Every structure is written in C-alpha cells, then in structure tokens.
C-alpha cells in the first residue's frame, strides 16, 4: 500500500468532516495535499494545524453553508464547525507521523 493510500485510508477511518460514507476514496484529494505539505516539526499540534488547514481550504464553505450530519440529514453548517478545531486533528497528526515513520523512504 502506498503512502497516499495509507493516508487516504486513515482519513476515511478518522472521517474528520463526516464524508466517508460517500466513498472509500472521498478523502484522496486531501490526502494528496497532506502528502505534498507534510513536515514533521516534532510538534504534534503544528502537524495538526497544517492538516486542519487543508480541511479548512477544502471543506469550509463559509458561515452560511449547508452539509450533512452523521445521520445524513441536510443541515446548515456554522463556518468552522464544518471542519472542527485544530485539537480535533491531533489524532490524525499522530497517525500521520506513524505512517511516515513506517515509510521513511516516502520522500526519496
């Protein structure tokens, strides 16, 4: 499994914006951006902030946007709540660090 596939699968499992039920590769575009931008700064909160920024760029449609909740109901999203906070991405940052540690040749 490639690093990109591992990141995509991990994001599917973590489902940070509740879109995984649409398809197994729903988060592949975000995984590609994360792969391009990833840097292990030694600070999990900094990694989480970078990942969160990717999701803000891809999913935060503004304060009067619409989306789907966990029961697939069409609901009004309140801006940043669509992507959560940086703290919501710390576990993803931990898992990313593990993926890159297992594949130290990812940047060769």
N, C-alpha and C. Protein backbone atom coordinates (compact mmCIF):
# COMPACT_ATOMS: atom_id res chain seq x y z
N UNK A 1 0.85 -1.17 0.00
CA UNK A 1 0.00 0.00 0.00
C UNK A 1 0.90 1.24 0.00
N UNK A 2 0.65 2.17 -0.90
CA UNK A 2 1.46 3.39 -0.97
C UNK A 2 1.15 4.31 0.21
N UNK A 3 2.01 5.30 0.42
CA UNK A 3 1.79 6.28 1.48
C UNK A 3 0.48 7.02 1.22
N UNK A 4 0.23 7.39 -0.02
CA UNK A 4 -1.02 8.08 -0.35
C UNK A 4 -2.22 7.21 0.01
N UNK A 5 -2.17 5.95 -0.32
CA UNK A 5 -3.27 5.04 0.01
C UNK A 5 -3.44 4.90 1.52
N UNK A 6 -2.33 4.86 2.25
CA UNK A 6 -2.39 4.76 3.71
C UNK A 6 -3.03 6.01 4.32
N UNK A 7 -2.65 7.18 3.81
CA UNK A 7 -3.21 8.42 4.32
C UNK A 7 -4.70 8.49 4.00
N UNK A 8 -5.06 8.14 2.76
CA UNK A 8 -6.47 8.15 2.36
C UNK A 8 -7.29 7.23 3.24
N UNK A 9 -6.80 6.02 3.48
CA UNK A 9 -7.50 5.06 4.33
C UNK A 9 -7.62 5.58 5.76
N UNK A 10 -6.55 6.14 6.29
CA UNK A 10 -6.58 6.67 7.65
C UNK A 10 -7.60 7.80 7.77
N UNK A 11 -7.64 8.71 6.78
CA UNK A 11 -8.62 9.80 6.81
C UNK A 11 -10.04 9.25 6.71
N UNK A 12 -10.21 8.20 5.92
CA UNK A 12 -11.53 7.56 5.82
C UNK A 12 -11.95 7.03 7.20
N UNK A 13 -11.03 6.40 7.90
CA UNK A 13 -11.32 5.86 9.22
C UNK A 13 -11.61 6.97 10.23
N UNK A 14 -10.83 8.03 10.20
CA UNK A 14 -11.00 9.14 11.14
C UNK A 14 -12.20 10.01 10.77
N UNK A 15 -12.47 10.14 9.49
CA UNK A 15 -13.63 10.87 8.95
C UNK A 15 -13.82 12.25 9.59
N UNK A 16 -12.84 13.14 9.42
CA UNK A 16 -12.87 14.42 10.12
C UNK A 16 -14.02 15.36 9.78
N UNK A 17 -14.63 15.24 8.62
CA UNK A 17 -15.76 16.11 8.27
C UNK A 17 -17.01 15.32 7.91
N UNK A 18 -17.05 14.04 8.28
CA UNK A 18 -18.25 13.25 8.11
C UNK A 18 -18.63 12.93 6.67
N UNK A 19 -17.64 12.73 5.81
CA UNK A 19 -17.93 12.47 4.40
C UNK A 19 -17.56 11.05 3.96
N UNK A 20 -17.02 10.24 4.85
CA UNK A 20 -16.52 8.91 4.47
C UNK A 20 -17.61 8.00 3.93
N UNK A 21 -18.84 8.21 4.32
CA UNK A 21 -19.90 7.31 3.86
C UNK A 21 -20.20 7.46 2.37
N UNK A 22 -19.68 8.50 1.72
CA UNK A 22 -19.91 8.68 0.29
C UNK A 22 -19.09 7.72 -0.56
N UNK A 23 -17.82 7.53 -0.21
CA UNK A 23 -16.98 6.59 -0.95
C UNK A 23 -15.70 6.33 -0.18
N UNK A 24 -15.03 5.21 -0.49
CA UNK A 24 -13.79 4.85 0.22
C UNK A 24 -12.67 5.83 -0.10
N UNK A 25 -12.73 6.48 -1.26
CA UNK A 25 -11.64 7.41 -1.62
C UNK A 25 -12.08 8.88 -1.50
N UNK A 26 -13.09 9.14 -0.70
CA UNK A 26 -13.62 10.50 -0.51
C UNK A 26 -12.52 11.49 -0.13
N UNK A 27 -11.57 11.04 0.68
CA UNK A 27 -10.53 11.94 1.19
C UNK A 27 -9.22 11.88 0.40
N UNK A 28 -9.22 11.28 -0.77
CA UNK A 28 -8.00 11.20 -1.56
C UNK A 28 -7.44 12.57 -1.95
N UNK A 29 -8.27 13.54 -2.37
CA UNK A 29 -7.71 14.86 -2.70
C UNK A 29 -7.00 15.50 -1.50
N UNK A 30 -7.60 15.37 -0.32
CA UNK A 30 -6.98 15.92 0.89
C UNK A 30 -5.71 15.16 1.23
N UNK A 31 -5.72 13.85 1.05
CA UNK A 31 -4.53 13.04 1.31
C UNK A 31 -3.37 13.47 0.42
N UNK A 32 -3.67 13.78 -0.84
CA UNK A 32 -2.62 14.24 -1.76
C UNK A 32 -2.00 15.54 -1.29
N UNK A 33 -2.84 16.48 -0.85
CA UNK A 33 -2.32 17.77 -0.36
C UNK A 33 -1.52 17.57 0.91
N UNK A 34 -2.02 16.73 1.82
CA UNK A 34 -1.29 16.45 3.06
C UNK A 34 0.06 15.83 2.74
N UNK A 35 0.11 14.89 1.81
CA UNK A 35 1.36 14.25 1.41
C UNK A 35 2.34 15.28 0.87
N UNK A 36 1.86 16.20 0.06
CA UNK A 36 2.73 17.25 -0.50
C UNK A 36 3.26 18.21 0.57
N UNK A 37 2.46 18.50 1.57
CA UNK A 37 2.81 19.53 2.57
C UNK A 37 3.40 18.97 3.86
N UNK A 38 3.38 17.67 4.04
CA UNK A 38 3.75 17.10 5.33
C UNK A 38 5.18 17.44 5.72
N UNK A 39 5.33 17.89 6.96
CA UNK A 39 6.64 18.09 7.59
C UNK A 39 6.49 17.72 9.05
N UNK A 40 7.35 16.86 9.53
CA UNK A 40 7.32 16.53 10.95
C UNK A 40 8.18 17.54 11.68
N UNK A 41 7.52 18.48 12.30
CA UNK A 41 8.22 19.54 13.03
C UNK A 41 8.59 19.12 14.44
N UNK A 42 8.16 17.92 14.83
CA UNK A 42 8.39 17.48 16.19
C UNK A 42 7.28 17.91 17.13
N UNK A 43 6.36 18.73 16.62
CA UNK A 43 5.26 19.26 17.42
C UNK A 43 3.94 18.78 16.83
N UNK A 44 3.27 17.87 17.55
CA UNK A 44 2.02 17.32 17.04
C UNK A 44 0.98 18.39 16.77
N UNK A 45 0.93 19.40 17.60
CA UNK A 45 -0.06 20.47 17.41
C UNK A 45 0.21 21.22 16.10
N UNK A 46 1.48 21.39 15.73
CA UNK A 46 1.82 22.06 14.46
C UNK A 46 1.41 21.19 13.27
N UNK A 47 1.62 19.89 13.38
CA UNK A 47 1.20 18.98 12.31
C UNK A 47 -0.32 19.02 12.20
N UNK A 48 -1.00 18.96 13.34
CA UNK A 48 -2.46 19.01 13.36
C UNK A 48 -2.96 20.31 12.74
N UNK A 49 -2.28 21.42 13.01
CA UNK A 49 -2.68 22.71 12.44
C UNK A 49 -2.55 22.71 10.92
N UNK A 50 -1.50 22.09 10.41
CA UNK A 50 -1.33 22.01 8.94
C UNK A 50 -2.41 21.15 8.31
N UNK A 51 -2.72 20.04 8.94
CA UNK A 51 -3.76 19.16 8.41
C UNK A 51 -5.12 19.86 8.49
N UNK A 52 -5.39 20.50 9.61
CA UNK A 52 -6.63 21.25 9.76
C UNK A 52 -6.76 22.30 8.67
N UNK A 53 -5.67 22.97 8.35
CA UNK A 53 -5.70 23.99 7.31
C UNK A 53 -6.11 23.39 5.96
N UNK A 54 -5.64 22.20 5.66
CA UNK A 54 -6.03 21.52 4.42
C UNK A 54 -7.55 21.35 4.40
N UNK A 55 -8.11 20.90 5.52
CA UNK A 55 -9.55 20.68 5.57
C UNK A 55 -10.34 21.99 5.53
N UNK A 56 -9.80 23.02 6.13
CA UNK A 56 -10.46 24.33 6.03
C UNK A 56 -10.50 24.77 4.56
N UNK A 57 -9.38 24.62 3.87
CA UNK A 57 -9.31 25.01 2.46
C UNK A 57 -10.27 24.19 1.60
N UNK A 58 -10.43 22.91 1.91
CA UNK A 58 -11.22 22.02 1.07
C UNK A 58 -12.70 21.96 1.46
N UNK A 59 -13.02 22.19 2.74
CA UNK A 59 -14.38 21.95 3.19
C UNK A 59 -15.08 23.11 3.88
N UNK A 60 -14.39 24.14 4.26
CA UNK A 60 -15.05 25.21 5.00
C UNK A 60 -15.67 26.18 4.01
N UNK A 61 -16.97 26.00 3.77
CA UNK A 61 -17.68 26.76 2.74
C UNK A 61 -18.22 28.09 3.23
N UNK A 62 -17.90 28.48 4.42
CA UNK A 62 -18.39 29.75 4.94
C UNK A 62 -19.47 29.58 5.99
N UNK A 63 -19.90 30.68 6.52
CA UNK A 63 -20.81 30.66 7.66
C UNK A 63 -22.25 30.31 7.31
N UNK A 64 -22.63 30.43 6.05
CA UNK A 64 -24.00 30.09 5.67
C UNK A 64 -24.01 28.92 4.70
N UNK A 65 -23.23 27.92 4.98
CA UNK A 65 -23.15 26.78 4.08
C UNK A 65 -24.07 25.65 4.56
N UNK A 66 -24.23 24.67 3.70
CA UNK A 66 -25.05 23.51 4.01
C UNK A 66 -24.22 22.26 3.88
N UNK A 67 -24.54 21.27 4.65
CA UNK A 67 -23.84 19.99 4.58
C UNK A 67 -24.73 18.90 5.15
N UNK A 68 -24.12 17.79 5.51
CA UNK A 68 -24.87 16.65 6.04
C UNK A 68 -24.32 16.26 7.39
N UNK A 69 -25.21 15.94 8.31
CA UNK A 69 -24.77 15.50 9.62
C UNK A 69 -24.55 13.98 9.60
N UNK A 70 -24.23 13.41 10.76
CA UNK A 70 -23.89 11.99 10.84
C UNK A 70 -25.07 11.07 10.49
N UNK A 71 -26.29 11.61 10.47
CA UNK A 71 -27.47 10.81 10.10
C UNK A 71 -27.93 11.15 8.69
N UNK A 72 -27.01 11.79 7.93
CA UNK A 72 -27.26 12.13 6.53
C UNK A 72 -28.42 13.11 6.35
N UNK A 73 -28.65 13.94 7.35
CA UNK A 73 -29.67 14.98 7.25
C UNK A 73 -29.01 16.25 6.71
N UNK A 74 -29.68 16.95 5.84
CA UNK A 74 -29.19 18.21 5.28
C UNK A 74 -29.32 19.28 6.35
N UNK A 75 -28.20 19.86 6.78
CA UNK A 75 -28.21 20.84 7.86
C UNK A 75 -27.36 22.05 7.52
N UNK A 76 -27.68 23.17 8.15
CA UNK A 76 -26.87 24.39 7.99
C UNK A 76 -25.61 24.24 8.84
N UNK A 77 -24.46 24.48 8.24
CA UNK A 77 -23.18 24.41 8.95
C UNK A 77 -22.80 25.81 9.40
N UNK A 78 -22.18 25.90 10.52
CA UNK A 78 -21.77 27.18 11.05
C UNK A 78 -20.27 27.40 10.85
N UNK A 79 -19.86 27.69 9.63
CA UNK A 79 -18.47 28.01 9.32
C UNK A 79 -17.49 26.98 9.83
N UNK A 80 -16.63 27.38 10.78
CA UNK A 80 -15.57 26.49 11.25
C UNK A 80 -16.06 25.15 11.80
N UNK A 81 -17.32 25.06 12.21
CA UNK A 81 -17.80 23.78 12.73
C UNK A 81 -17.78 22.70 11.65
N UNK A 82 -17.76 23.10 10.40
CA UNK A 82 -17.68 22.11 9.32
C UNK A 82 -16.37 21.34 9.39
N UNK A 83 -15.32 21.99 9.84
CA UNK A 83 -14.01 21.35 9.88
C UNK A 83 -13.51 21.12 11.30
N UNK A 84 -14.22 21.61 12.28
CA UNK A 84 -13.79 21.45 13.66
C UNK A 84 -12.63 22.36 14.01
N UNK A 85 -11.97 22.04 15.10
CA UNK A 85 -10.83 22.85 15.55
C UNK A 85 -9.53 22.07 15.34
N UNK A 86 -8.43 22.75 15.51
CA UNK A 86 -7.11 22.11 15.38
C UNK A 86 -7.01 20.91 16.33
N UNK A 87 -7.56 21.04 17.52
CA UNK A 87 -7.49 19.96 18.50
C UNK A 87 -8.15 18.68 17.99
N UNK A 88 -9.13 18.82 17.10
CA UNK A 88 -9.80 17.65 16.53
C UNK A 88 -8.89 16.86 15.58
N UNK A 89 -7.73 17.42 15.23
CA UNK A 89 -6.84 16.80 14.24
C UNK A 89 -5.56 16.23 14.86
N UNK A 90 -5.45 16.27 16.17
CA UNK A 90 -4.23 15.76 16.83
C UNK A 90 -4.08 14.25 16.61
N UNK A 91 -5.16 13.51 16.72
CA UNK A 91 -5.07 12.05 16.49
C UNK A 91 -4.66 11.77 15.04
N UNK A 92 -5.17 12.55 14.10
CA UNK A 92 -4.77 12.38 12.70
C UNK A 92 -3.28 12.68 12.57
N UNK A 93 -2.79 13.71 13.25
CA UNK A 93 -1.37 14.06 13.22
C UNK A 93 -0.53 12.90 13.78
N UNK A 94 -0.99 12.29 14.86
CA UNK A 94 -0.28 11.14 15.43
C UNK A 94 -0.21 9.99 14.43
N UNK A 95 -1.32 9.72 13.79
CA UNK A 95 -1.37 8.62 12.83
C UNK A 95 -0.53 8.93 11.59
N UNK A 96 -0.51 10.19 11.16
CA UNK A 96 0.35 10.58 10.03
C UNK A 96 1.81 10.34 10.38
N UNK A 97 2.20 10.77 11.55
CA UNK A 97 3.58 10.58 12.00
C UNK A 97 3.95 9.10 11.96
N UNK A 98 3.04 8.24 12.37
CA UNK A 98 3.29 6.79 12.36
C UNK A 98 3.42 6.27 10.93
N UNK A 99 2.56 6.74 10.03
CA UNK A 99 2.64 6.33 8.63
C UNK A 99 4.00 6.70 8.04
N UNK A 100 4.44 7.91 8.27
CA UNK A 100 5.72 8.35 7.72
C UNK A 100 6.90 7.67 8.38
N UNK A 101 6.77 7.32 9.66
CA UNK A 101 7.84 6.59 10.35
C UNK A 101 8.00 5.20 9.77
N UNK A 102 6.88 4.58 9.40
CA UNK A 102 6.95 3.25 8.80
C UNK A 102 7.48 3.26 7.38
N UNK A 103 7.33 4.39 6.71
CA UNK A 103 7.78 4.51 5.32
C UNK A 103 8.78 5.65 5.23
N UNK A 104 9.94 5.44 5.81
CA UNK A 104 10.93 6.51 5.85
C UNK A 104 11.45 6.88 4.46
N UNK A 105 11.16 6.07 3.45
CA UNK A 105 11.55 6.38 2.08
C UNK A 105 10.50 7.19 1.34
N UNK A 106 9.50 7.69 2.03
CA UNK A 106 8.40 8.40 1.39
C UNK A 106 8.84 9.62 0.60
N UNK A 107 9.94 10.22 1.01
CA UNK A 107 10.39 11.44 0.34
C UNK A 107 11.61 11.22 -0.52
N UNK A 108 12.00 9.96 -0.75
CA UNK A 108 13.19 9.68 -1.56
C UNK A 108 12.92 9.92 -3.03
